[in-house]
Amino acid sequence: MIAKTGTAEYGTTPPLKTHAWIIAAQGDLAVSVFVEDGDYGAVSGGPLLTAFLTGAAG
């Protein structure tokens, strides 16, 4: 599996809010997770992606 995380700050009032995401691919499957008002991609999106791929209930 390959994966890449990312974040983007937005807004004008400190502390700025953050969008977080993670994209992953394995074989012919590609998945993207976007978290509005998340922390970091690995912190916010990673566990969601893992739960999705393993079928774990969150």
PDB file of N, CA and C in Angstrom:
ATOM      1  N   MET A   1       0.844  -1.172   0.000  1.00  0.00           N
ATOM      2  CA  MET A   1       0.000   0.000   0.000  1.00  0.00           C
ATOM      3  C   MET A   1       0.888   1.232   0.000  1.00  0.00           C
ATOM      4  N   ILE A   2       0.431   2.258  -0.695  1.00  0.00           N
ATOM      5  CA  ILE A   2       1.071   3.559  -0.645  1.00  0.00           C
ATOM      6  C   ILE A   2       0.047   4.559  -0.125  1.00  0.00           C
ATOM      7  N   ALA A   3       0.524   5.572   0.580  1.00  0.00           N
ATOM      8  CA  ALA A   3      -0.388   6.574   1.120  1.00  0.00           C
ATOM      9  C   ALA A   3       0.334   7.906   1.241  1.00  0.00           C
ATOM     10  N   LYS A   4      -0.440   8.975   1.157  1.00  0.00           N
ATOM     11  CA  LYS A   4       0.090  10.321   1.326  1.00  0.00           C
ATOM     12  C   LYS A   4      -0.916  11.126   2.124  1.00  0.00           C
ATOM     13  N   THR A   5      -0.438  11.847   3.124  1.00  0.00           N
ATOM     14  CA  THR A   5      -1.295  12.685   3.952  1.00  0.00           C
ATOM     15  C   THR A   5      -1.071  14.147   3.602  1.00  0.00           C
ATOM     16  N   GLY A   6      -2.002  14.986   4.028  1.00  0.00           N
ATOM     17  CA  GLY A   6      -1.853  16.414   3.808  1.00  0.00           C
ATOM     18  C   GLY A   6      -2.769  17.210   4.710  1.00  0.00           C
ATOM     19  N   THR A   7      -2.446  18.492   4.827  1.00  0.00           N
ATOM     20  CA  THR A   7      -3.265  19.422   5.596  1.00  0.00           C
ATOM     21  C   THR A   7      -3.313  20.754   4.854  1.00  0.00           C
ATOM     22  N   ALA A   8      -4.321  21.529   5.146  1.00  0.00           N
ATOM     23  CA  ALA A   8      -4.423  22.883   4.609  1.00  0.00           C
ATOM     24  C   ALA A   8      -5.123  23.748   5.648  1.00  0.00           C
ATOM     25  N   GLU A   9      -4.465  24.819   6.035  1.00  0.00           N
ATOM     26  CA  GLU A   9      -5.065  25.753   6.983  1.00  0.00           C
ATOM     27  C   GLU A   9      -5.970  26.720   6.229  1.00  0.00           C
ATOM     28  N   TYR A  10      -7.038  27.148   6.881  1.00  0.00           N
ATOM     29  CA  TYR A  10      -7.946  28.108   6.256  1.00  0.00           C
ATOM     30  C   TYR A  10      -8.541  29.019   7.312  1.00  0.00           C
ATOM     31  N   GLY A  11      -9.111  30.090   6.847  1.00  0.00           N
ATOM     32  CA  GLY A  11      -9.719  31.060   7.740  1.00  0.00           C
ATOM     33  C   GLY A  11      -8.821  32.272   7.920  1.00  0.00           C
ATOM     34  N   THR A  12      -9.292  33.219   8.688  1.00  0.00           N
ATOM     35  CA  THR A  12      -8.523  34.439   8.919  1.00  0.00           C
ATOM     36  C   THR A  12      -8.315  34.737  10.399  1.00  0.00           C
ATOM     37  N   THR A  13      -8.988  33.991  11.264  1.00  0.00           N
ATOM     38  CA  THR A  13      -8.901  34.243  12.697  1.00  0.00           C
ATOM     39  C   THR A  13      -8.065  33.162  13.369  1.00  0.00           C
ATOM     40  N   PRO A  14      -6.958  33.552  14.020  1.00  0.00           N
ATOM     41  CA  PRO A  14      -6.154  32.560  14.734  1.00  0.00           C
ATOM     42  C   PRO A  14      -6.924  31.974  15.905  1.00  0.00           C
ATOM     43  N   PRO A  15      -6.745  30.726  16.243  1.00  0.00           N
ATOM     44  CA  PRO A  15      -5.936  29.773  15.470  1.00  0.00           C
ATOM     45  C   PRO A  15      -6.684  29.341  14.209  1.00  0.00           C
ATOM     46  N   LEU A  16      -5.954  29.218  13.123  1.00  0.00           N
ATOM     47  CA  LEU A  16      -6.555  28.819  11.861  1.00  0.00           C
ATOM     48  C   LEU A  16      -7.071  27.392  11.951  1.00  0.00           C
ATOM     49  N   LYS A  17      -8.177  27.121  11.272  1.00  0.00           N
ATOM     50  CA  LYS A  17      -8.719  25.764  11.215  1.00  0.00           C
ATOM     51  C   LYS A  17      -7.932  24.969  10.183  1.00  0.00           C
ATOM     52  N   THR A  18      -8.024  23.654  10.252  1.00  0.00           N
ATOM     53  CA  THR A  18      -7.247  22.801   9.362  1.00  0.00           C
ATOM     54  C   THR A  18      -8.114  21.733   8.725  1.00  0.00           C
ATOM     55  N   HIS A  19      -8.013  21.610   7.399  1.00  0.00           N
ATOM     56  CA  HIS A  19      -8.558  20.461   6.681  1.00  0.00           C
ATOM     57  C   HIS A  19      -7.455  19.409   6.662  1.00  0.00           C
ATOM     58  N   ALA A  20      -7.831  18.151   6.813  1.00  0.00           N
ATOM     59  CA  ALA A  20      -6.845  17.069   6.779  1.00  0.00           C
ATOM     60  C   ALA A  20      -7.308  16.007   5.795  1.00  0.00           C
ATOM     61  N   TRP A  21      -6.371  15.344   5.137  1.00  0.00           N
ATOM     62  CA  TRP A  21      -6.744  14.276   4.217  1.00  0.00           C
ATOM     63  C   TRP A  21      -5.660  13.232   4.132  1.00  0.00           C
ATOM     64  N   ILE A  22      -6.034  12.097   3.602  1.00  0.00           N
ATOM     65  CA  ILE A  22      -5.105  11.021   3.301  1.00  0.00           C
ATOM     66  C   ILE A  22      -5.628  10.331   2.041  1.00  0.00           C
ATOM     67  N   ILE A  23      -4.734  10.013   1.139  1.00  0.00           N
ATOM     68  CA  ILE A  23      -5.084   9.221  -0.032  1.00  0.00           C
ATOM     69  C   ILE A  23      -4.209   7.975   0.006  1.00  0.00           C
ATOM     70  N   ALA A  24      -4.765   6.862  -0.420  1.00  0.00           N
ATOM     71  CA  ALA A  24      -4.024   5.602  -0.381  1.00  0.00           C
ATOM     72  C   ALA A  24      -4.404   4.759  -1.589  1.00  0.00           C
ATOM     73  N   ALA A  25      -3.483   3.896  -1.998  1.00  0.00           N
ATOM     74  CA  ALA A  25      -3.738   2.986  -3.120  1.00  0.00           C
ATOM     75  C   ALA A  25      -3.031   1.676  -2.874  1.00  0.00           C
ATOM     76  N   GLN A  26      -3.684   0.622  -3.316  1.00  0.00           N
ATOM     77  CA  GLN A  26      -3.090  -0.704  -3.301  1.00  0.00           C
ATOM     78  C   GLN A  26      -3.721  -1.477  -4.458  1.00  0.00           C
ATOM     79  N   GLY A  27      -2.882  -1.961  -5.344  1.00  0.00           N
ATOM     80  CA  GLY A  27      -3.406  -2.664  -6.505  1.00  0.00           C
ATOM     81  C   GLY A  27      -4.306  -1.737  -7.305  1.00  0.00           C
ATOM     82  N   ASP A  28      -5.547  -2.181  -7.576  1.00  0.00           N
ATOM     83  CA  ASP A  28      -6.469  -1.361  -8.364  1.00  0.00           C
ATOM     84  C   ASP A  28      -7.449  -0.571  -7.493  1.00  0.00           C
ATOM     85  N   LEU A  29      -7.173  -0.467  -6.199  1.00  0.00           N
ATOM     86  CA  LEU A  29      -8.039   0.270  -5.280  1.00  0.00           C
ATOM     87  C   LEU A  29      -7.369   1.575  -4.871  1.00  0.00           C
ATOM     88  N   ALA A  30      -8.106   2.681  -4.972  1.00  0.00           N
ATOM     89  CA  ALA A  30      -7.635   3.978  -4.495  1.00  0.00           C
ATOM     90  C   ALA A  30      -8.721   4.569  -3.601  1.00  0.00           C
ATOM     91  N   VAL A  31      -8.308   5.139  -2.480  1.00  0.00           N
ATOM     92  CA  VAL A  31      -9.252   5.682  -1.498  1.00  0.00           C
ATOM     93  C   VAL A  31      -8.752   7.045  -1.044  1.00  0.00           C
ATOM     94  N   SER A  32      -9.685   7.945  -0.815  1.00  0.00           N
ATOM     95  CA  SER A  32      -9.368   9.260  -0.282  1.00  0.00           C
ATOM     96  C   SER A  32     -10.266   9.530   0.920  1.00  0.00           C
ATOM     97  N   VAL A  33      -9.687  10.086   1.975  1.00  0.00           N
ATOM     98  CA  VAL A  33     -10.451  10.488   3.155  1.00  0.00           C
ATOM     99  C   VAL A  33     -10.165  11.967   3.395  1.00  0.00           C
ATOM    100  N   PHE A  34     -11.221  12.761   3.504  1.00  0.00           N
ATOM    101  CA  PHE A  34     -11.104  14.191   3.771  1.00  0.00           C
ATOM    102  C   PHE A  34     -11.807  14.484   5.088  1.00  0.00           C
ATOM    103  N   VAL A  35     -11.123  15.196   5.988  1.00  0.00           N
ATOM    104  CA  VAL A  35     -11.709  15.546   7.281  1.00  0.00           C
ATOM    105  C   VAL A  35     -11.723  17.070   7.401  1.00  0.00           C
ATOM    106  N   GLU A  36     -12.931  17.628   7.364  1.00  0.00           N
ATOM    107  CA  GLU A  36     -13.064  19.065   7.556  1.00  0.00           C
ATOM    108  C   GLU A  36     -12.833  19.358   9.034  1.00  0.00           C
ATOM    109  N   ASP A  37     -12.050  20.353   9.325  1.00  0.00           N
ATOM    110  CA  ASP A  37     -11.682  20.711  10.693  1.00  0.00           C
ATOM    111  C   ASP A  37     -10.993  19.558  11.406  1.00  0.00           C
ATOM    112  N   GLY A  38     -10.040  18.917  10.732  1.00  0.00           N
ATOM    113  CA  GLY A  38      -9.267  17.837  11.329  1.00  0.00           C
ATOM    114  C   GLY A  38      -7.950  18.355  11.872  1.00  0.00           C
ATOM    115  N   ASP A  39      -7.128  17.444  12.346  1.00  0.00           N
ATOM    116  CA  ASP A  39      -5.784  17.785  12.813  1.00  0.00           C
ATOM    117  C   ASP A  39      -4.817  17.591  11.652  1.00  0.00           C
ATOM    118  N   TYR A  40      -4.058  16.522  11.705  1.00  0.00           N
ATOM    119  CA  TYR A  40      -3.154  16.161  10.620  1.00  0.00           C
ATOM    120  C   TYR A  40      -3.763  14.981   9.872  1.00  0.00           C
ATOM    121  N   GLY A  41      -3.347  14.785   8.613  1.00  0.00           N
ATOM    122  CA  GLY A  41      -3.888  13.693   7.823  1.00  0.00           C
ATOM    123  C   GLY A  41      -3.727  12.337   8.487  1.00  0.00           C
ATOM    124  N   ALA A  42      -2.549  12.092   9.056  1.00  0.00           N
ATOM    125  CA  ALA A  42      -2.291  10.805   9.699  1.00  0.00           C
ATOM    126  C   ALA A  42      -3.084  10.650  10.998  1.00  0.00           C
ATOM    127  N   VAL A  43      -3.335  11.742  11.679  1.00  0.00           N
ATOM    128  CA  VAL A  43      -4.038  11.700  12.966  1.00  0.00           C
ATOM    129  C   VAL A  43      -5.552  11.624  12.773  1.00  0.00           C
ATOM    130  N   SER A  44      -6.087  12.427  11.850  1.00  0.00           N
ATOM    131  CA  SER A  44      -7.533  12.474  11.639  1.00  0.00           C
ATOM    132  C   SER A  44      -8.009  11.478  10.589  1.00  0.00           C
ATOM    133  N   GLY A  45      -7.339  11.450   9.447  1.00  0.00           N
ATOM    134  CA  GLY A  45      -7.773  10.601   8.344  1.00  0.00           C
ATOM    135  C   GLY A  45      -7.264   9.175   8.415  1.00  0.00           C
ATOM    136  N   GLY A  46      -6.066   8.981   8.940  1.00  0.00           N
ATOM    137  CA  GLY A  46      -5.465   7.648   8.992  1.00  0.00           C
ATOM    138  C   GLY A  46      -6.323   6.609   9.689  1.00  0.00           C
ATOM    139  N   PRO A  47      -6.794   6.894  10.906  1.00  0.00           N
ATOM    140  CA  PRO A  47      -7.650   5.923  11.592  1.00  0.00           C
ATOM    141  C   PRO A  47      -8.962   5.652  10.854  1.00  0.00           C
ATOM    142  N   LEU A  48      -9.534   6.672  10.210  1.00  0.00           N
ATOM    143  CA  LEU A  48     -10.755   6.468   9.436  1.00  0.00           C
ATOM    144  C   LEU A  48     -10.488   5.556   8.239  1.00  0.00           C
ATOM    145  N   LEU A  49      -9.369   5.787   7.572  1.00  0.00           N
ATOM    146  CA  LEU A  49      -8.997   4.953   6.428  1.00  0.00           C
ATOM    147  C   LEU A  49      -8.761   3.518   6.868  1.00  0.00           C
ATOM    148  N   THR A  50      -8.056   3.336   7.971  1.00  0.00           N
ATOM    149  CA  THR A  50      -7.801   1.996   8.491  1.00  0.00           C
ATOM    150  C   THR A  50      -9.109   1.282   8.825  1.00  0.00           C
ATOM    151  N   ALA A  51     -10.016   1.993   9.490  1.00  0.00           N
ATOM    152  CA  ALA A  51     -11.305   1.399   9.846  1.00  0.00           C
ATOM    153  C   ALA A  51     -12.083   1.009   8.600  1.00  0.00           C
ATOM    154  N   PHE A  52     -12.057   1.855   7.584  1.00  0.00           N
ATOM    155  CA  PHE A  52     -12.754   1.547   6.338  1.00  0.00           C
ATOM    156  C   PHE A  52     -12.174   0.298   5.668  1.00  0.00           C
ATOM    157  N   LEU A  53     -10.845   0.250   5.562  1.00  0.00           N
ATOM    158  CA  LEU A  53     -10.214  -0.866   4.865  1.00  0.00           C
ATOM    159  C   LEU A  53     -10.312  -2.186   5.620  1.00  0.00           C
ATOM    160  N   THR A  54     -10.388  -2.123   6.932  1.00  0.00           N
ATOM    161  CA  THR A  54     -10.464  -3.365   7.723  1.00  0.00           C
ATOM    162  C   THR A  54     -11.885  -3.737   8.092  1.00  0.00           C
ATOM    163  N   GLY A  55     -12.835  -2.841   7.822  1.00  0.00           N
ATOM    164  CA  GLY A  55     -14.222  -3.107   8.159  1.00  0.00           C
ATOM    165  C   GLY A  55     -14.508  -2.930   9.641  1.00  0.00           C
ATOM    166  N   ALA A  56     -13.600  -2.251  10.354  1.00  0.00           N
ATOM    167  CA  ALA A  56     -13.791  -2.035  11.791  1.00  0.00           C
ATOM    168  C   ALA A  56     -14.844  -0.955  12.018  1.00  0.00           C
ATOM    169  N   ALA A  57     -15.678  -1.169  13.003  1.00  0.00           N
ATOM    170  CA  ALA A  57     -16.697  -0.175  13.361  1.00  0.00           C
ATOM    171  C   ALA A  57     -16.035   0.952  14.129  1.00  0.00           C
ATOM    172  N   GLY A  58     -16.397   2.185  13.855  1.00  0.00           N
ATOM    173  CA  GLY A  58     -15.796   3.332  14.514  1.00  0.00           C
ATOM    174  C   GLY A  58     -16.730   3.915  15.445  1.00  0.00           C
TER     175      GLY A  58
END
